[in-house]
Protein backbone atom coordinates (compact mmCIF):
# COMPACT_ATOMS: atom_id res chain seq x y z
CA MET A 1 -17.94 -15.06 -15.74
CA GLY A 2 -20.38 -17.71 -13.99
CA ILE A 3 -22.20 -17.02 -10.72
CA TRP A 4 -20.06 -19.51 -8.77
CA THR A 5 -16.75 -17.93 -10.03
CA SER A 6 -17.95 -14.31 -9.09
CA TYR A 7 -19.12 -15.63 -5.61
CA ARG A 8 -15.78 -17.37 -5.09
CA LEU A 9 -13.81 -14.17 -6.07
CA ARG A 10 -15.87 -12.08 -3.80
CA TRP A 11 -15.11 -14.34 -0.87
CA GLN A 12 -11.50 -14.42 -1.73
CA ARG A 13 -11.44 -10.55 -1.72
CA LYS A 14 -12.98 -10.56 1.78
CA HIS A 15 -10.57 -13.19 2.79
CA TRP A 16 -7.57 -11.10 1.95
CA ARG A 17 -9.00 -8.03 3.67
CA LEU A 18 -9.93 -9.96 6.82
CA ARG A 19 -6.45 -11.43 6.79
CA ALA A 20 -5.10 -7.79 6.67
CA LEU A 21 -7.01 -6.74 9.46
CA TYR A 22 -5.73 -9.67 11.62
CA LYS A 23 -2.12 -8.80 10.45
CA SER A 24 -2.59 -5.32 11.24
CA ARG A 25 -2.07 -6.36 14.98
CA GLN A 26 1.66 -6.66 14.14
CA LEU A 27 1.98 -3.09 13.11
CA VAL A 28 3.16 -0.40 15.75
CA PRO A 29 2.84 3.25 14.93
CA VAL A 30 6.15 5.19 15.02
CA ALA A 31 5.21 8.41 13.27
CA ASP A 32 1.45 8.77 12.61
CA ARG A 33 0.97 11.84 10.50
CA THR A 34 -2.03 10.66 8.64
CA LYS A 35 -4.23 13.65 9.92
CA GLN A 36 -2.14 15.77 7.47
CA ILE A 37 -3.68 13.91 4.49
CA ALA A 38 -5.88 16.16 2.51
CA SER A 39 -8.83 14.72 0.71
CA ASP A 40 -7.11 14.96 -2.79
CA ASP A 41 -3.69 13.86 -1.70
CA ILE A 42 -1.75 11.28 -3.74
CA LEU A 43 -0.44 8.61 -1.43
CA LEU A 44 2.33 6.26 -1.68
CA PHE A 45 2.54 2.97 0.14
CA CYS A 46 5.74 0.76 0.55
CA THR A 47 7.20 -1.94 2.86
CA PHE A 48 11.05 -1.74 3.51
CA ARG A 49 13.86 -3.48 5.40
CA ASN A 50 17.47 -2.33 5.80
CA GLU A 51 17.20 0.17 2.90
CA ASP A 52 18.79 3.23 4.51
CA VAL A 53 21.08 3.54 1.38
CA ARG A 54 18.17 3.77 -0.87
CA LEU A 55 15.60 5.78 1.07
CA PRO A 56 16.87 9.38 0.45
CA PHE A 57 16.69 9.11 -3.14
CA PHE A 58 13.53 7.34 -3.07
CA LEU A 59 11.75 9.80 -1.16
CA ASP A 60 13.23 12.76 -3.16
CA TYR A 61 12.23 11.16 -6.60
CA TYR A 62 8.66 10.68 -5.46
CA ARG A 63 8.28 14.17 -3.90
CA LYS A 64 9.37 15.60 -7.32
CA LEU A 65 7.03 13.31 -8.99
CA GLY A 66 4.11 14.89 -6.75
CA ILE A 67 3.43 12.33 -4.14
CA ASN A 68 1.93 14.18 -1.20
CA HIS A 69 2.30 11.64 1.68
CA PHE A 70 4.17 8.36 2.26
CA LEU A 71 2.67 5.53 4.38
CA LEU A 72 5.58 3.26 5.02
CA VAL A 73 6.04 -0.09 7.00
CA ASP A 74 9.53 -0.88 8.35
CA ASN A 75 10.05 -4.53 8.73
CA ASP A 76 12.65 -4.69 11.52
CA SER A 77 15.33 -2.70 10.00
CA ASP A 78 18.63 -2.33 11.85
CA ASP A 79 20.41 -0.16 9.40
CA GLY A 80 19.42 3.55 10.37
CA GLY A 81 16.70 3.91 7.74
CA HIS A 82 14.01 3.62 10.49
CA ASP A 83 15.42 6.63 12.27
CA PHE A 84 15.91 8.57 9.00
CA VAL A 85 12.15 7.97 7.70
CA LYS A 86 10.54 8.76 11.09
CA GLU A 87 12.01 12.32 10.89
CA GLN A 88 10.33 13.15 7.46
CA PRO A 89 7.51 15.55 7.81
CA ASP A 90 5.46 13.92 4.91
CA VAL A 91 5.89 10.21 6.19
CA SER A 92 3.69 8.00 8.41
CA LEU A 93 5.62 5.27 9.51
CA TRP A 94 4.64 1.89 11.32
CA LYS A 95 7.34 -1.03 12.35
CA THR A 96 6.78 -4.44 12.63
CA LYS A 97 8.94 -7.55 13.66
CA GLY A 98 6.27 -9.75 11.82
CA ALA A 99 7.53 -12.43 9.30
CA TYR A 100 7.55 -10.89 5.86
CA GLY A 101 6.57 -14.12 4.09
CA GLU A 102 3.62 -14.84 6.53
CA ALA A 103 2.29 -11.43 5.61
CA ARG A 104 1.95 -12.23 2.06
CA TYR A 105 5.34 -10.39 1.48
CA GLY A 106 4.03 -7.14 3.01
CA VAL A 107 0.92 -7.03 1.02
CA ASP A 108 -1.30 -7.84 4.28
CA TRP A 109 0.09 -4.76 6.18
CA LEU A 110 -0.23 -2.50 3.28
CA THR A 111 -3.77 -3.89 2.51
CA TYR A 112 -4.82 -2.85 5.92
CA LEU A 113 -3.21 0.77 5.65
CA GLN A 114 -4.80 1.23 2.22
CA GLY A 115 -8.26 0.23 3.30
CA LYS A 116 -7.99 2.82 6.26
CA TYR A 117 -6.32 5.62 4.73
CA ALA A 118 -6.44 5.34 0.84
CA ASP A 119 -10.20 5.11 0.22
CA GLY A 120 -11.03 7.72 -2.50
CA HIS A 121 -7.41 8.58 -3.11
CA TRP A 122 -5.02 7.67 -5.86
CA ALA A 123 -2.58 5.40 -4.42
CA LEU A 124 0.89 4.23 -5.73
CA THR A 125 2.18 1.06 -4.27
CA VAL A 126 5.85 0.19 -5.07
CA ASP A 127 9.06 -1.35 -3.57
CA VAL A 128 11.80 0.91 -2.41
CA ASP A 129 13.90 -0.09 -5.54
CA GLU A 130 10.94 0.85 -7.97
CA PHE A 131 10.72 4.09 -9.73
CA PHE A 132 7.59 5.09 -11.48
CA VAL A 133 7.94 6.47 -15.16
CA TYR A 134 4.66 7.31 -17.10
CA PRO A 135 4.08 9.31 -20.47
CA PHE A 136 5.17 12.83 -20.01
CA CYS A 137 6.60 12.26 -16.52
CA ASP A 138 9.52 14.79 -17.40
CA THR A 139 6.85 17.45 -17.88
CA ARG A 140 3.76 16.64 -16.00
CA PRO A 141 3.38 15.65 -12.24
CA ILE A 142 1.73 12.63 -11.16
CA ARG A 143 -1.47 14.70 -10.28
CA ALA A 144 -1.91 15.34 -14.13
CA LEU A 145 -1.88 11.61 -14.80
CA ALA A 146 -4.38 10.99 -12.08
CA ASP A 147 -6.60 13.93 -13.19
CA TRP A 148 -6.72 12.33 -16.79
CA LEU A 149 -7.36 8.87 -15.43
CA ASP A 150 -10.38 10.36 -13.38
CA ALA A 151 -11.59 12.24 -16.53
CA SER A 152 -11.42 9.04 -18.49
CA GLN A 153 -13.04 6.90 -15.66
CA VAL A 154 -10.10 4.65 -15.43
CA ARG A 155 -9.63 3.24 -11.75
CA SER A 156 -6.15 1.58 -12.39
CA PHE A 157 -2.89 1.99 -14.28
CA GLY A 158 -0.51 -0.67 -15.34
CA ALA A 159 3.16 -0.75 -15.47
CA MET A 160 5.86 -3.28 -16.61
CA LEU A 161 8.90 -3.87 -14.17
CA LEU A 162 11.94 -3.04 -16.20
CA ASP A 163 15.36 -4.51 -14.81
CA MET A 164 18.08 -1.84 -14.90
CA TYR A 165 21.64 -3.02 -14.71
CA PRO A 166 25.25 -1.78 -15.34
CA LYS A 167 27.64 -2.40 -18.09
CA GLY A 168 29.92 -5.04 -16.43
CA PRO A 169 29.64 -6.96 -13.16
CA VAL A 170 26.94 -5.79 -10.87
CA GLY A 171 29.28 -5.41 -7.93
CA GLN A 172 31.29 -2.67 -9.72
CA ALA A 173 28.06 -0.37 -9.88
CA HIS A 174 28.90 1.53 -6.76
CA TYR A 175 25.87 3.27 -5.36
CA GLN A 176 26.29 5.87 -2.48
CA ARG A 177 23.39 6.73 -0.31
CA GLY A 178 21.26 9.41 -1.72
CA SER A 179 22.42 9.27 -5.26
CA ASP A 180 20.50 8.32 -8.42
CA PRO A 181 20.70 4.54 -9.05
CA PHE A 182 20.39 4.82 -12.66
CA GLU A 183 23.57 6.69 -12.79
CA ALA A 184 25.28 3.46 -12.07
CA ALA A 185 22.74 0.99 -13.69
CA ASN A 186 21.46 2.48 -16.82
CA TRP A 187 21.16 -0.54 -19.16
CA PHE A 188 18.18 -2.69 -19.85
CA ASP A 189 16.72 -5.34 -22.08
CA PRO A 190 14.80 -3.79 -24.92
CA GLY A 191 13.09 -7.05 -26.01
CA ASN A 192 12.95 -10.76 -24.76
CA TYR A 193 9.65 -10.47 -23.11
CA ILE A 194 6.80 -12.98 -23.23
CA MET A 195 3.10 -12.41 -22.23
CA SER A 196 0.30 -14.40 -21.49
CA LYS A 197 -3.27 -13.91 -20.07
CA ASN A 198 -4.79 -15.07 -16.81
CA LYS A 199 -8.12 -16.18 -17.65
CA LEU A 200 -9.49 -16.01 -14.20
CA LEU A 201 -8.38 -12.51 -13.06
CA ASN A 202 -8.00 -11.17 -16.61
CA ASN A 203 -4.45 -9.74 -15.84
CA LEU A 204 -1.58 -9.92 -18.20
CA TRP A 205 1.45 -12.09 -17.02
CA ILE A 206 4.78 -10.81 -18.37
CA GLN A 207 8.21 -12.51 -17.90
CA GLY A 208 11.55 -11.97 -19.50
CA GLY A 209 14.51 -9.68 -19.55
CA PRO A 210 17.87 -10.08 -18.00
CA ARG A 211 16.85 -12.31 -15.13
CA ALA A 212 15.12 -14.59 -17.35
CA ARG A 213 17.96 -15.03 -19.72
CA THR A 214 20.50 -15.05 -17.03
CA PHE A 215 19.10 -16.94 -14.04
CA PHE A 216 16.02 -18.88 -15.54
CA ALA A 217 17.15 -19.69 -19.23
CA SER A 218 16.52 -23.25 -18.51
CA LYS A 219 13.15 -22.67 -16.62
CA PRO A 220 11.77 -19.50 -18.27
CA LYS A 221 8.36 -20.10 -16.59
CA GLN A 222 9.87 -19.70 -13.23
CA ALA A 223 11.23 -16.34 -14.00
CA PRO A 224 9.84 -13.38 -11.84
CA ALA A 225 6.56 -11.81 -13.09
CA LEU A 226 7.12 -8.26 -14.49
CA ASN A 227 3.43 -7.19 -14.80
CA LYS A 228 2.41 -4.57 -11.91
CA ILE A 229 -0.70 -2.60 -11.42
CA PRO A 230 0.96 0.17 -9.11
CA PHE A 231 -1.35 3.15 -9.39
CA VAL A 232 -4.99 2.71 -8.40
CA LYS A 233 -7.81 4.75 -7.34
CA TRP A 234 -8.33 3.03 -4.17
CA ARG A 235 -11.61 1.83 -2.57
CA LYS A 236 -11.88 0.02 0.86
CA PRO A 237 -12.99 -3.24 -0.85
CA TYR A 238 -10.05 -3.48 -3.14
CA ALA A 239 -7.12 -5.87 -2.54
CA TYR A 240 -4.02 -7.04 -4.20
CA VAL A 241 -3.91 -10.87 -4.72
CA SER A 242 -0.29 -11.37 -5.48
CA SER A 243 2.09 -8.55 -4.61
CA THR A 244 0.87 -5.71 -7.36
CA HIS A 245 0.67 -8.13 -9.96
CA MET A 246 -2.96 -8.47 -9.97
CA MET A 247 -6.12 -7.49 -7.82
CA LEU A 248 -9.52 -7.88 -6.97
CA PRO A 249 -12.19 -6.80 -8.14
CA ARG A 250 -10.82 -8.42 -11.32
CA GLY A 251 -11.92 -5.39 -13.42
CA LEU A 252 -8.85 -3.58 -12.10
CA ASN A 253 -6.57 -5.93 -13.84
CA LEU A 254 -7.77 -4.57 -17.18
CA VAL A 255 -4.97 -2.17 -17.76
CA TYR A 256 -4.40 -3.29 -21.41
CA ASP A 257 -6.46 -2.65 -24.63
CA GLN A 258 -8.63 -5.70 -25.41
CA GLN A 259 -9.30 -4.73 -28.89
CA GLY A 260 -5.63 -4.83 -30.02
CA GLY A 261 -4.75 -1.29 -29.63
CA GLU A 262 -2.71 0.57 -27.09
CA LYS A 263 -3.72 1.68 -23.64
CA THR A 264 -1.79 4.23 -21.62
CA SER A 265 0.94 2.45 -19.51
CA GLY A 266 4.08 3.00 -17.60
CA ILE A 267 7.28 1.46 -16.41
CA LEU A 268 8.78 0.84 -13.09
CA LEU A 269 12.51 1.17 -13.28
CA HIS A 270 13.87 -1.63 -11.14
CA ALA A 271 17.29 -0.54 -9.47
CA LYS A 272 17.99 -4.02 -7.83
CA PHE A 273 21.29 -4.72 -9.74
CA LEU A 274 24.03 -2.52 -7.85
CA ASN A 275 26.82 -3.26 -5.66
CA THR A 276 24.25 -3.74 -2.72
CA PHE A 277 23.04 -6.87 -4.63
CA GLU A 278 25.55 -9.37 -3.07
CA ASP A 279 24.62 -8.63 0.48
CA ARG A 280 20.89 -8.65 -0.09
CA VAL A 281 21.21 -12.01 -1.98
CA VAL A 282 23.12 -13.68 0.88
CA GLU A 283 20.71 -12.37 3.45
CA GLU A 284 17.36 -13.05 1.85
CA ALA A 285 18.52 -16.62 0.55
CA ALA A 286 19.17 -17.39 4.16
CA ARG A 287 16.03 -15.71 5.53
CA GLY A 288 13.85 -17.50 2.99
CA GLU A 289 11.05 -14.75 3.59
CA HIS A 290 10.37 -14.00 -0.04
CA TYR A 291 8.28 -15.81 -2.40
CA ASN A 292 8.61 -19.65 -2.43
CA ALA A 293 10.86 -19.69 0.60
CA GLY A 294 13.31 -17.25 -1.28
CA ARG A 295 13.69 -19.40 -4.43
CA GLU A 296 14.47 -16.42 -6.49
CA TYR A 297 17.41 -15.30 -4.36
CA LYS A 298 18.75 -18.83 -3.94
CA THR A 299 18.69 -18.99 -7.68
CA TYR A 300 20.70 -16.09 -7.96
CA ALA A 301 23.36 -17.31 -5.67
CA GLU A 302 23.58 -20.96 -7.10
CA ARG A 303 23.43 -20.07 -10.91
CA HIS A 304 25.62 -17.14 -11.34
CA GLY A 305 26.83 -16.16 -7.92
CA THR A 306 26.26 -12.94 -6.42
CA ASP A 307 28.25 -10.60 -8.65
CA PRO A 308 26.56 -11.44 -12.12
CA ASP A 309 27.43 -9.58 -15.42
CA LEU A 310 23.85 -9.01 -17.04
CA TRP A 311 25.06 -6.88 -19.94
CA CYS A 312 24.82 -8.34 -23.51
CA GLN A 313 25.33 -7.22 -27.01
CA TRP A 314 21.53 -6.46 -27.22
CA SER A 315 21.56 -4.28 -24.16
CA GLU A 316 20.31 -0.71 -24.62
CA GLN A 317 21.19 2.38 -22.54
CA TYR A 318 18.32 4.37 -20.79
CA ILE A 319 17.41 7.74 -22.12
CA ASN A 320 13.90 8.63 -21.08
CA TRP A 321 10.30 7.59 -21.26
CA ARG A 322 10.02 8.42 -25.01
CA GLN A 323 12.69 5.86 -25.73
CA LEU A 324 10.48 3.17 -23.95
CA GLU A 325 7.38 4.11 -25.89
CA ILE A 326 9.28 3.79 -29.19
CA LEU A 327 10.58 0.37 -28.01
CA GLY A 328 6.91 -0.62 -27.33
CA LEU A 329 7.71 -1.15 -23.39
CA MET A 330 5.21 1.52 -22.58
CA SER A 331 2.41 3.62 -24.12
CA LYS A 332 1.00 7.11 -24.01
CA GLY A 333 -2.17 5.73 -25.62
CA ASN A 334 -4.62 8.79 -26.31
CA TRP A 335 -3.12 10.99 -23.64
CA ALA A 336 -1.73 13.72 -25.71
């Protein structure tokens, strides 16, 4: 990397952090329990809006995984989720009426909180419909993964977003508050993924799966990105560049083996396609607060309606993380 490129990326990182500081003025503390955070706690960061139906299972899932403290931003919810979350003893909550799109889709708010509270901690950054799966997660808590990464001098951990869906129309996947979404949506695409490398930031760019073949078949390059770097040993100078798809400094994006081998990686099971999908598509297509003025949600509504059937003859039913490793969607690498 040349001197000019290095200089430009450093200034870009400073820009994102200064922008986050400016956007932090939009955050109003609701339940600040950050004094409870111990020096070795593993933290989770998330922005949500009108997710009351998902929040009980989300918190329970990550508590069982070993998350010690949740730092959440409520973007103007009006469905009761705000009141539920603020009473949770391991949650610190902020609220904002700020525009989601103008805060880099929530990244600015979380960047500020990460810089203030996550320095020196392992931090997991996910959406409320994303569920982290890693090798041996059924027997080893996330603390074991963090300790192994520390011992291996690894600062960041990659995971591919895996869209989960039901067999049949999405609207028939009835989901009740507090239940496991993968009881209703437990199928996925075992293949159909393409990968390229971002030469500037060194991150992989992954696309494919049911959204690519169903909604973006004619324009696959417009399909949503599936590459994520959700688990990071955070330091104040760090910043996400685009959602959790890539980071600065760019060395954090090297979550794959450059010599052709396999590096330990995970999966984010994506519980988007449930009977709640229709209402969310209508709302977000109208709001236009997501990437590119909500183009993704507008595409959902225009091309296959709000109740698509994503299942096909190649769909595979989810069993566990070992199945995903066998299929090559994640790897345990040298973590035995």
